[in-house]
Amino acid sequence: MFRFEFIVQSYSKFHGLLRMTGIVLFFIFLVGYIIHFIEPGAFPTFFDGVWWAIVTISTVGYGDFVPESVIGRILGMLLIISGIALFSFFISNLASSTVLARQDREKGGTSYHKSGHYIIVGWNERSQQLIKEIRKINSHTKLILIDESLQERPEECPNVVFVKGSPTIDETFIRANAKEAHTVIITANLHINEKVADANSVLTLLTVKGIQPAIYSIVELVTPNQIKNAERAGADEIIQSSNYLSLLMINGILYHGMTDVISQMLRHEKQDQLSFEPLRSELVNESFKKAIEECQTEDRFLIGIRRDNETILHPNKGSSLLKGDILIFFNRI
């Protein structure tokens, strides 16, 4: 099923097709005007002449308007011979342009022009799962997948726009419209050396930040070696995947079943288990105990504070709350 958005995006790339459309329309209007001028009795209005030209070259031939003079019939014969050929050529170009546009889109050769989308760099099991989770939260979120190794858009992601290209060059992120994107998530390439993978992730971050410095960026690193460089490059969040996996494993060793507990806490359903809420103005300079009394309910528990990129879990109840603090809640779902 063709969507109007897809048709517009596809055909806008084919300037030859647009020129052909203009030629066909000009030809129809010209013939319509001539037949109206030659036989004003049989074709009382210019619109009648255009109508006759359209139904003739499209081989519909209703017969409601028929030339009566010799010159009019000669014009009709010329229209049938040349017009049908021109119209057939137009239709065949229209069909081939549609097929080429669809193939180009599937193979990642298109560009994205809307705003507020999420860019995911790298196709792997993590990005595939990430797309599923985002779709579960909001099925209307616009997602762009950038990958250099894929030959065409993955079958698992029918509603994702695929942009094929290296994430370390500007042209790829320009086609992904990074200037108007909401967030970029850079996943690590685990098929190459870990140090090289992290260096590529930082280079990718530098590339997208060079195009849009304000874009919110989440970067996956495998080792701690490139953390400082990622911070210098402007990473808003850094996920050191190997470190997190090690922490999960050690918790599983110390407390059997703890990994399932953590997994449950991070699960997304209709409502998030963990959530943030900006500190209300009336609670500024008040104690953490006061925030518990004011904000905590039977269905949500106040567990900590997010302050200047630092997370403070279970602070002392006498701790003062500052302007700009973000409260961390654990919600019942």
Protein backbone atom coordinates (compact mmCIF):
# COMPACT_ATOMS: atom_id res chain seq x y z
CA MET A 1 0.00 0.00 0.00
CA PHE A 2 1.51 3.33 -1.08
CA ARG A 3 1.49 6.14 1.42
CA PHE A 4 1.16 9.69 0.14
CA GLU A 5 4.30 10.68 2.03
CA PHE A 6 6.26 7.96 0.25
CA ILE A 7 4.95 8.98 -3.18
CA VAL A 8 5.88 12.63 -2.65
CA GLN A 9 9.32 11.73 -1.33
CA SER A 10 9.93 9.30 -4.18
CA TYR A 11 8.81 11.43 -7.09
CA SER A 12 10.47 14.62 -5.87
CA LYS A 13 13.84 13.08 -6.71
CA PHE A 14 13.02 12.53 -10.36
CA HIS A 15 13.23 15.89 -12.06
CA GLY A 16 12.88 14.22 -15.46
CA LEU A 17 9.54 12.81 -14.41
CA LEU A 18 8.36 16.24 -13.30
CA ARG A 19 9.44 17.70 -16.63
CA MET A 20 7.56 14.94 -18.44
CA THR A 21 4.45 15.73 -16.40
CA GLY A 22 4.72 19.36 -17.46
CA ILE A 23 5.10 18.39 -21.12
CA VAL A 24 2.03 16.13 -21.03
CA LEU A 25 -0.09 18.82 -19.36
CA PHE A 26 1.12 21.48 -21.81
CA PHE A 27 0.29 19.17 -24.73
CA ILE A 28 -3.22 18.49 -23.35
CA PHE A 29 -3.98 22.20 -22.78
CA LEU A 30 -2.58 23.15 -26.19
CA VAL A 31 -4.72 20.59 -28.03
CA GLY A 32 -7.74 21.52 -25.93
CA TYR A 33 -7.34 25.19 -26.84
CA ILE A 34 -6.82 24.46 -30.56
CA ILE A 35 -9.90 22.23 -30.88
CA HIS A 36 -11.99 24.79 -29.00
CA PHE A 37 -10.71 27.52 -31.36
CA ILE A 38 -11.30 25.40 -34.50
CA GLU A 39 -14.74 24.06 -33.53
CA PRO A 40 -16.39 26.33 -30.95
CA GLY A 41 -19.74 24.74 -31.78
CA ALA A 42 -18.71 21.17 -30.95
CA PHE A 43 -16.45 22.30 -28.07
CA PRO A 44 -18.18 25.33 -26.49
CA THR A 45 -15.58 25.88 -23.76
CA PHE A 46 -11.84 25.50 -23.33
CA PHE A 47 -12.54 22.94 -20.60
CA ASP A 48 -14.52 20.81 -23.08
CA GLY A 49 -11.49 20.77 -25.36
CA VAL A 50 -9.17 19.76 -22.52
CA TRP A 51 -11.61 17.03 -21.46
CA TRP A 52 -11.69 15.62 -24.99
CA ALA A 53 -7.87 15.66 -25.20
CA ILE A 54 -7.52 13.78 -21.92
CA VAL A 55 -10.05 11.04 -22.70
CA THR A 56 -8.55 10.64 -26.18
CA ILE A 57 -4.89 10.20 -25.21
CA SER A 58 -5.84 7.96 -22.27
CA THR A 59 -7.80 5.72 -24.73
CA VAL A 60 -11.01 6.08 -22.70
CA GLY A 61 -12.95 7.68 -25.54
CA TYR A 62 -16.37 8.46 -24.06
CA GLY A 63 -17.58 9.93 -27.36
CA ASP A 64 -19.38 12.84 -25.68
CA PHE A 65 -17.31 15.30 -27.77
CA VAL A 66 -16.43 14.52 -31.40
CA PRO A 67 -14.71 16.76 -33.98
CA GLU A 68 -16.98 17.56 -36.93
CA SER A 69 -14.66 19.37 -39.35
CA VAL A 70 -11.88 17.84 -41.44
CA ILE A 71 -9.24 19.89 -39.67
CA GLY A 72 -10.67 18.85 -36.30
CA ARG A 73 -10.60 15.18 -37.27
CA ILE A 74 -7.02 15.49 -38.57
CA LEU A 75 -6.09 17.02 -35.21
CA GLY A 76 -7.87 14.11 -33.54
CA MET A 77 -5.84 11.58 -35.55
CA LEU A 78 -2.59 13.36 -34.70
CA LEU A 79 -3.65 13.39 -31.07
CA ILE A 80 -4.40 9.68 -31.11
CA ILE A 81 -1.05 8.79 -32.71
CA SER A 82 1.25 11.17 -30.86
CA GLY A 83 -0.76 11.64 -27.68
CA ILE A 84 -1.15 7.97 -26.87
CA ALA A 85 2.58 7.42 -27.41
CA LEU A 86 3.39 10.40 -25.19
CA PHE A 87 0.94 9.32 -22.50
CA SER A 88 2.20 5.71 -22.57
CA PHE A 89 5.77 6.96 -22.21
CA PHE A 90 4.66 9.08 -19.26
CA ILE A 91 2.92 6.13 -17.54
CA SER A 92 5.90 3.81 -18.06
CA ASN A 93 8.24 6.43 -16.60
CA LEU A 94 5.87 6.90 -13.68
CA ALA A 95 5.87 3.17 -12.95
CA SER A 96 9.65 2.78 -13.29
CA SER A 97 10.24 5.82 -11.08
CA THR A 98 8.06 4.27 -8.38
CA VAL A 99 9.98 0.99 -8.54
CA LEU A 100 13.36 2.75 -8.51
CA ALA A 101 12.32 4.94 -5.59
CA ARG A 102 11.18 1.94 -3.57
CA GLN A 103 14.40 0.07 -4.33
CA ASP A 104 16.45 3.14 -3.42
CA ARG A 105 14.61 3.45 -0.15
CA GLU A 106 15.03 -0.22 0.73
CA LYS A 107 18.76 -0.05 -0.03
CA GLY A 108 19.29 3.06 2.11
CA GLY A 109 19.88 5.58 -0.64
CA THR A 110 17.20 8.08 0.40
CA SER A 111 17.32 11.13 2.66
CA TYR A 112 15.08 12.04 5.59
CA HIS A 113 13.56 15.53 5.79
CA LYS A 114 11.38 15.63 8.91
CA SER A 115 12.41 16.60 12.44
CA GLY A 116 12.24 15.19 15.97
CA HIS A 117 13.44 11.71 14.99
CA TYR A 118 15.83 9.29 16.67
CA ILE A 119 18.99 8.16 14.88
CA ILE A 120 20.35 4.70 15.71
CA VAL A 121 23.86 3.94 14.48
CA GLY A 122 24.77 0.32 13.82
CA TRP A 123 22.63 -2.75 13.16
CA ASN A 124 23.06 -5.45 15.78
CA GLU A 125 21.08 -7.33 18.42
CA ARG A 126 21.14 -4.34 20.80
CA SER A 127 19.84 -1.88 18.23
CA GLN A 128 17.19 -4.38 17.09
CA GLN A 129 15.97 -4.76 20.68
CA LEU A 130 16.15 -1.00 21.18
CA ILE A 131 13.88 -0.43 18.19
CA LYS A 132 11.37 -2.93 19.58
CA GLU A 133 11.35 -1.22 22.98
CA ILE A 134 10.94 2.25 21.47
CA ARG A 135 8.06 0.98 19.35
CA LYS A 136 6.49 -0.54 22.46
CA ILE A 137 6.61 2.84 24.25
CA ASN A 138 5.52 4.94 21.26
CA SER A 139 4.72 3.30 17.95
CA HIS A 140 4.72 6.68 16.15
CA THR A 141 8.32 7.59 16.99
CA LYS A 142 10.32 8.23 13.82
CA LEU A 143 13.46 6.08 13.73
CA ILE A 144 16.44 6.33 11.38
CA LEU A 145 18.89 3.44 11.15
CA ILE A 146 22.42 4.15 9.91
CA ASP A 147 24.58 1.21 8.94
CA GLU A 148 27.40 0.67 6.48
CA SER A 149 27.38 -3.12 6.21
CA LEU A 150 23.70 -3.77 5.48
CA GLN A 151 22.71 -4.18 1.83
CA GLU A 152 19.07 -3.29 2.45
CA ARG A 153 16.70 -2.37 5.26
CA PRO A 154 16.23 -5.25 7.73
CA GLU A 155 12.96 -7.13 7.39
CA GLU A 156 12.46 -6.78 11.16
CA CYS A 157 12.18 -2.98 10.82
CA PRO A 158 9.51 -2.20 8.20
CA ASN A 159 8.74 1.22 9.68
CA VAL A 160 12.35 2.36 10.09
CA VAL A 161 14.05 4.64 7.56
CA PHE A 162 17.34 3.05 6.52
CA VAL A 163 20.31 5.24 5.58
CA LYS A 164 23.25 3.27 4.21
CA GLY A 165 26.66 4.85 4.68
CA SER A 166 29.63 5.29 6.95
CA PRO A 167 28.70 7.04 10.23
CA THR A 168 32.11 8.72 10.29
CA ILE A 169 31.41 11.00 7.33
CA ASP A 170 29.19 14.07 7.28
CA GLU A 171 27.17 13.09 4.21
CA THR A 172 25.59 10.12 6.00
CA PHE A 173 24.30 12.21 8.91
CA ILE A 174 23.20 14.97 6.55
CA ARG A 175 21.01 12.41 4.73
CA ALA A 176 19.69 11.33 8.14
CA ASN A 177 18.86 15.01 8.85
CA ALA A 178 20.89 15.06 12.07
CA LYS A 179 20.42 18.84 12.32
CA GLU A 180 16.77 18.34 13.25
CA ALA A 181 17.04 15.01 15.09
CA HIS A 182 16.04 14.57 18.72
CA THR A 183 18.60 11.97 19.84
CA VAL A 184 21.40 9.87 18.40
CA ILE A 185 22.26 6.45 19.84
CA ILE A 186 25.66 5.10 18.79
CA THR A 187 26.09 1.37 19.33
CA ALA A 188 29.49 -0.33 19.42
CA ASN A 189 30.60 -2.60 16.59
CA LEU A 190 31.38 -5.87 18.39
CA HIS A 191 32.62 -7.57 15.21
CA ILE A 192 35.97 -5.76 15.31
CA ASN A 193 38.69 -5.15 17.87
CA GLU A 194 37.22 -3.55 21.03
CA LYS A 195 39.66 -0.62 21.06
CA VAL A 196 39.04 0.08 17.37
CA ALA A 197 35.28 -0.18 17.96
CA ASP A 198 35.40 2.42 20.73
CA ALA A 199 37.60 4.73 18.66
CA ASN A 200 35.07 4.48 15.80
CA SER A 201 32.24 5.27 18.21
CA VAL A 202 34.02 8.44 19.38
CA LEU A 203 34.74 9.42 15.76
CA THR A 204 31.07 8.88 14.93
CA LEU A 205 30.11 11.08 17.86
CA LEU A 206 32.47 13.83 16.66
CA THR A 207 30.93 13.61 13.21
CA VAL A 208 27.32 14.03 14.33
CA LYS A 209 28.22 16.70 16.91
CA GLY A 210 30.00 18.63 14.16
CA ILE A 211 26.72 18.77 12.26
CA GLN A 212 24.45 19.36 15.28
CA PRO A 213 26.28 20.20 18.55
CA ALA A 214 22.99 20.32 20.51
CA ILE A 215 21.80 16.82 19.63
CA TYR A 216 21.39 14.55 22.67
CA SER A 217 23.84 11.68 22.31
CA ILE A 218 24.03 8.24 23.92
CA VAL A 219 27.22 6.31 23.17
CA GLU A 220 28.00 2.66 23.84
CA LEU A 221 31.65 1.91 24.67
CA VAL A 222 33.10 -1.54 25.24
CA THR A 223 36.17 -0.56 27.26
CA PRO A 224 36.92 2.38 29.60
CA ASN A 225 39.81 3.64 27.45
CA GLN A 226 37.75 6.08 25.37
CA ILE A 227 35.45 7.42 28.09
CA LYS A 228 37.36 10.69 28.49
CA ASN A 229 37.48 11.21 24.73
CA ALA A 230 33.76 10.54 24.46
CA GLU A 231 33.11 13.12 27.18
CA ARG A 232 35.35 15.63 25.38
CA ALA A 233 33.46 14.92 22.16
CA GLY A 234 30.21 15.88 23.90
CA ALA A 235 28.57 12.57 24.83
CA ASP A 236 25.54 13.22 27.04
CA GLU A 237 25.38 9.62 28.24
CA ILE A 238 27.98 6.87 28.03
CA ILE A 239 27.01 3.22 28.35
CA GLN A 240 29.99 1.00 29.09
CA SER A 241 28.34 -2.25 28.14
CA SER A 242 31.05 -4.65 29.32
CA ASN A 243 31.16 -2.96 32.73
CA TYR A 244 27.38 -3.13 33.16
CA LEU A 245 27.31 -6.78 32.15
CA SER A 246 30.08 -7.55 34.65
CA LEU A 247 28.14 -5.79 37.41
CA LEU A 248 25.03 -7.79 36.57
CA MET A 249 27.01 -11.01 36.69
CA ILE A 250 28.67 -10.26 40.03
CA ASN A 251 25.27 -9.38 41.51
CA GLY A 252 23.96 -12.67 40.19
CA ILE A 253 26.83 -14.46 41.89
CA LEU A 254 26.38 -12.69 45.23
CA TYR A 255 22.58 -12.69 45.25
CA HIS A 256 21.00 -15.38 43.12
CA GLY A 257 18.12 -13.95 41.10
CA MET A 258 19.32 -10.33 41.39
CA THR A 259 19.69 -9.99 37.61
CA ASP A 260 15.97 -10.71 37.24
CA VAL A 261 15.19 -8.04 39.86
CA ILE A 262 17.23 -5.45 37.95
CA SER A 263 15.64 -6.52 34.68
CA GLN A 264 12.19 -6.03 36.20
CA MET A 265 13.14 -2.53 37.38
CA LEU A 266 14.21 -1.51 33.88
CA ARG A 267 11.18 -2.96 32.12
CA HIS A 268 8.91 -0.66 30.08
CA GLU A 269 5.21 -1.34 29.94
CA LYS A 270 2.35 1.16 29.89
CA GLN A 271 4.20 2.99 32.66
CA ASP A 272 7.92 3.01 33.44
CA GLN A 273 9.17 1.38 36.62
CA LEU A 274 11.80 4.09 37.05
CA SER A 275 11.02 7.72 36.24
CA PHE A 276 12.31 11.27 36.73
CA GLU A 277 10.36 14.30 37.92
CA PRO A 278 11.73 17.87 38.20
CA LEU A 279 11.82 19.22 41.75
CA ARG A 280 8.87 21.50 42.45
CA SER A 281 9.77 25.09 43.32
CA GLU A 282 8.17 24.90 46.77
CA LEU A 283 10.54 22.08 47.72
CA VAL A 284 13.76 23.97 46.93
CA ASN A 285 15.99 24.19 50.04
CA GLU A 286 13.68 21.75 51.82
CA SER A 287 14.87 18.36 53.12
CA PHE A 288 14.67 15.04 51.32
CA LYS A 289 12.28 13.93 54.08
CA LYS A 290 9.92 16.77 53.08
CA ALA A 291 9.99 15.58 49.46
CA ILE A 292 9.08 12.05 50.62
CA GLU A 293 6.12 13.42 52.57
CA GLU A 294 4.93 15.58 49.67
CA CYS A 295 5.62 13.38 46.64
CA GLN A 296 5.69 9.76 47.71
CA THR A 297 2.49 7.72 47.42
CA GLU A 298 1.50 4.08 47.71
CA ASP A 299 2.14 3.66 43.99
CA ARG A 300 5.46 5.44 43.69
CA PHE A 301 8.48 5.57 45.94
CA LEU A 302 11.08 8.32 46.05
CA ILE A 303 14.48 6.61 45.91
CA GLY A 304 16.96 9.35 45.09
CA ILE A 305 18.08 12.56 43.42
CA ARG A 306 19.70 13.36 40.08
CA ARG A 307 21.93 16.43 40.52
CA ASP A 308 24.42 17.85 37.99
CA ASN A 309 24.99 14.53 36.19
CA GLU A 310 25.37 12.78 39.56
CA THR A 311 22.95 10.19 40.93
CA ILE A 312 22.37 10.12 44.70
CA LEU A 313 20.37 7.05 45.73
CA HIS A 314 18.70 6.85 49.14
CA PRO A 315 20.21 10.11 50.49
CA ASN A 316 20.02 11.07 54.14
CA LYS A 317 16.53 12.32 54.98
CA GLY A 318 18.05 15.58 56.22
CA SER A 319 19.78 16.26 52.89
CA SER A 320 18.83 19.62 51.37
CA LEU A 321 17.19 19.79 47.98
CA LEU A 322 18.63 22.30 45.51
CA LYS A 323 17.20 24.15 42.53
CA GLY A 324 17.58 22.01 39.42
CA ASP A 325 17.40 18.69 41.27
CA ILE A 326 15.49 15.86 39.64
CA LEU A 327 13.66 13.34 41.81
CA ILE A 328 13.99 9.65 41.01
CA PHE A 329 10.90 7.48 41.55
CA PHE A 330 10.26 3.75 41.53
CA ASN A 331 6.70 3.23 40.29
CA ARG A 332 4.23 0.44 40.82
CA ILE A 333 2.88 -0.90 37.50
